[in-house]
Amino acid sequence: MELAQRLLTCKQCDKRKFDPNTGLVCSLTLRKPEFENDCNDFVIDPKEVAKLNAKAYTAEKESGSSLSTWGVIVIILFVIRFVMRMMRD
């Protein structure tokens, strides 16, 4: 997994932190993400998810469609990830 993809995951994590010299880092390691597929310490940030959903809703509303395909996909992915994480714990 590329760094850009890992950072997208980190942007949705409650344990993210911003370092002015490095950028987005993990608050546990204070480094850029190094996980391969999934971060074992990932905790979803509900505020960030709400922001993403609001952006998707606004973009879809401006385009004229009543149902945001991307918004639904994002929600489904978060639910799947949450369920998988709960099953592991």
C-alpha atoms as a PDB file:
ATOM      1  CA  MET A   1       0.000   0.000   0.000  1.00  0.00           C
ATOM      2  CA  GLU A   2       1.356   3.414  -0.938  1.00  0.00           C
ATOM      3  CA  LEU A   3       1.928   6.209   1.566  1.00  0.00           C
ATOM      4  CA  ALA A   4      -0.875   8.290   0.021  1.00  0.00           C
ATOM      5  CA  GLN A   5      -3.360   5.455   0.608  1.00  0.00           C
ATOM      6  CA  ARG A   6      -2.164   4.948   4.188  1.00  0.00           C
ATOM      7  CA  LEU A   7      -2.508   8.679   4.841  1.00  0.00           C
ATOM      8  CA  LEU A   8      -6.139   8.538   3.641  1.00  0.00           C
ATOM      9  CA  THR A   9      -6.780   5.942   6.326  1.00  0.00           C
ATOM     10  CA  CYS A  10      -4.969   8.070   8.903  1.00  0.00           C
ATOM     11  CA  LYS A  11      -7.049  11.129   8.016  1.00  0.00           C
ATOM     12  CA  GLN A  12     -10.104   9.192   9.214  1.00  0.00           C
ATOM     13  CA  CYS A  13      -8.445   7.966  12.428  1.00  0.00           C
ATOM     14  CA  ASP A  14      -8.986   9.527  15.828  1.00  0.00           C
ATOM     15  CA  LYS A  15      -5.319   8.895  16.675  1.00  0.00           C
ATOM     16  CA  ARG A  16      -3.907  11.139  13.965  1.00  0.00           C
ATOM     17  CA  LYS A  17      -1.740  14.117  14.791  1.00  0.00           C
ATOM     18  CA  PHE A  18      -0.270  16.947  12.737  1.00  0.00           C
ATOM     19  CA  ASP A  19       3.431  17.665  12.995  1.00  0.00           C
ATOM     20  CA  PRO A  20       4.360  20.989  11.342  1.00  0.00           C
ATOM     21  CA  ASN A  21       7.670  19.538  10.122  1.00  0.00           C
ATOM     22  CA  THR A  22       6.454  16.113   9.006  1.00  0.00           C
ATOM     23  CA  GLY A  23       2.750  16.537   8.266  1.00  0.00           C
ATOM     24  CA  LEU A  24       0.151  13.963   9.275  1.00  0.00           C
ATOM     25  CA  VAL A  25       1.571  11.393  11.704  1.00  0.00           C
ATOM     26  CA  CYS A  26       0.306   8.749  14.116  1.00  0.00           C
ATOM     27  CA  SER A  27      -0.020  10.076  17.669  1.00  0.00           C
ATOM     28  CA  LEU A  28       1.213   6.698  18.965  1.00  0.00           C
ATOM     29  CA  THR A  29       4.462   6.536  16.968  1.00  0.00           C
ATOM     30  CA  LEU A  30       4.853  10.214  15.962  1.00  0.00           C
ATOM     31  CA  ARG A  31       5.831   8.958  12.490  1.00  0.00           C
ATOM     32  CA  LYS A  32       4.246   8.578   9.076  1.00  0.00           C
ATOM     33  CA  PRO A  33       2.091   5.442   8.804  1.00  0.00           C
ATOM     34  CA  GLU A  34       4.020   2.232   8.198  1.00  0.00           C
ATOM     35  CA  PHE A  35       1.260  -0.411   8.228  1.00  0.00           C
ATOM     36  CA  GLU A  36       0.849  -2.656   5.203  1.00  0.00           C
ATOM     37  CA  ASN A  37      -2.885  -3.303   4.756  1.00  0.00           C
ATOM     38  CA  ASP A  38      -4.679  -2.347   7.970  1.00  0.00           C
ATOM     39  CA  CYS A  39      -3.633  -0.374  11.003  1.00  0.00           C
ATOM     40  CA  ASN A  40      -4.210  -2.394  14.176  1.00  0.00           C
ATOM     41  CA  ASP A  41      -4.630   0.812  16.193  1.00  0.00           C
ATOM     42  CA  PHE A  42      -7.189   2.454  13.872  1.00  0.00           C
ATOM     43  CA  VAL A  43     -10.057   4.181  15.690  1.00  0.00           C
ATOM     44  CA  ILE A  44     -12.589   5.862  13.446  1.00  0.00           C
ATOM     45  CA  ASP A  45     -13.064   9.590  14.013  1.00  0.00           C
ATOM     46  CA  PRO A  46     -16.827  10.226  13.798  1.00  0.00           C
ATOM     47  CA  LYS A  47     -16.311  13.967  13.220  1.00  0.00           C
ATOM     48  CA  GLU A  48     -14.112  13.316  10.201  1.00  0.00           C
ATOM     49  CA  VAL A  49     -16.580  10.778   8.808  1.00  0.00           C
ATOM     50  CA  ALA A  50     -19.379  13.324   9.218  1.00  0.00           C
ATOM     51  CA  LYS A  51     -17.279  15.896   7.326  1.00  0.00           C
ATOM     52  CA  LEU A  52     -16.617  13.453   4.490  1.00  0.00           C
ATOM     53  CA  ASN A  53     -20.300  12.555   4.290  1.00  0.00           C
ATOM     54  CA  ALA A  54     -21.283  16.235   4.298  1.00  0.00           C
ATOM     55  CA  LYS A  55     -18.835  16.955   1.478  1.00  0.00           C
ATOM     56  CA  ALA A  56     -20.145  14.008  -0.529  1.00  0.00           C
ATOM     57  CA  TYR A  57     -23.733  15.107   0.078  1.00  0.00           C
ATOM     58  CA  THR A  58     -22.994  18.703  -0.959  1.00  0.00           C
ATOM     59  CA  ALA A  59     -21.140  17.612  -4.089  1.00  0.00           C
ATOM     60  CA  GLU A  60     -23.932  15.236  -5.066  1.00  0.00           C
ATOM     61  CA  LYS A  61     -26.611  17.826  -4.377  1.00  0.00           C
ATOM     62  CA  GLU A  62     -24.797  20.335  -6.601  1.00  0.00           C
ATOM     63  CA  SER A  63     -24.590  17.775  -9.389  1.00  0.00           C
ATOM     64  CA  GLY A  64     -28.360  17.261  -9.236  1.00  0.00           C
ATOM     65  CA  SER A  65     -28.510  13.619  -8.205  1.00  0.00           C
ATOM     66  CA  SER A  66     -30.571  12.753  -5.144  1.00  0.00           C
ATOM     67  CA  LEU A  67     -28.426   9.831  -3.914  1.00  0.00           C
ATOM     68  CA  SER A  68     -24.721  10.174  -3.442  1.00  0.00           C
ATOM     69  CA  THR A  69     -23.089   7.047  -4.812  1.00  0.00           C
ATOM     70  CA  TRP A  70     -19.742   7.969  -3.280  1.00  0.00           C
ATOM     71  CA  GLY A  71     -21.378   8.808   0.036  1.00  0.00           C
ATOM     72  CA  VAL A  72     -23.057   5.402   0.144  1.00  0.00           C
ATOM     73  CA  ILE A  73     -19.780   3.681  -0.784  1.00  0.00           C
ATOM     74  CA  VAL A  74     -17.904   5.554   1.952  1.00  0.00           C
ATOM     75  CA  ILE A  75     -20.508   4.629   4.563  1.00  0.00           C
ATOM     76  CA  ILE A  76     -20.512   0.975   3.491  1.00  0.00           C
ATOM     77  CA  LEU A  77     -16.713   0.820   3.659  1.00  0.00           C
ATOM     78  CA  PHE A  78     -16.699   2.347   7.148  1.00  0.00           C
ATOM     79  CA  VAL A  79     -19.341  -0.079   8.361  1.00  0.00           C
ATOM     80  CA  ILE A  80     -17.475  -3.060   6.908  1.00  0.00           C
ATOM     81  CA  ARG A  81     -14.196  -1.907   8.426  1.00  0.00           C
ATOM     82  CA  PHE A  82     -15.856  -1.306  11.795  1.00  0.00           C
ATOM     83  CA  VAL A  83     -17.485  -4.753  11.809  1.00  0.00           C
ATOM     84  CA  MET A  84     -14.230  -6.436  10.803  1.00  0.00           C
ATOM     85  CA  ARG A  85     -12.354  -4.615  13.567  1.00  0.00           C
ATOM     86  CA  MET A  86     -15.003  -5.570  16.132  1.00  0.00           C
ATOM     87  CA  MET A  87     -14.790  -9.206  15.038  1.00  0.00           C
ATOM     88  CA  ARG A  88     -11.006  -9.201  15.503  1.00  0.00           C
ATOM     89  CA  ASP A  89     -11.201  -7.771  19.018  1.00  0.00           C
END
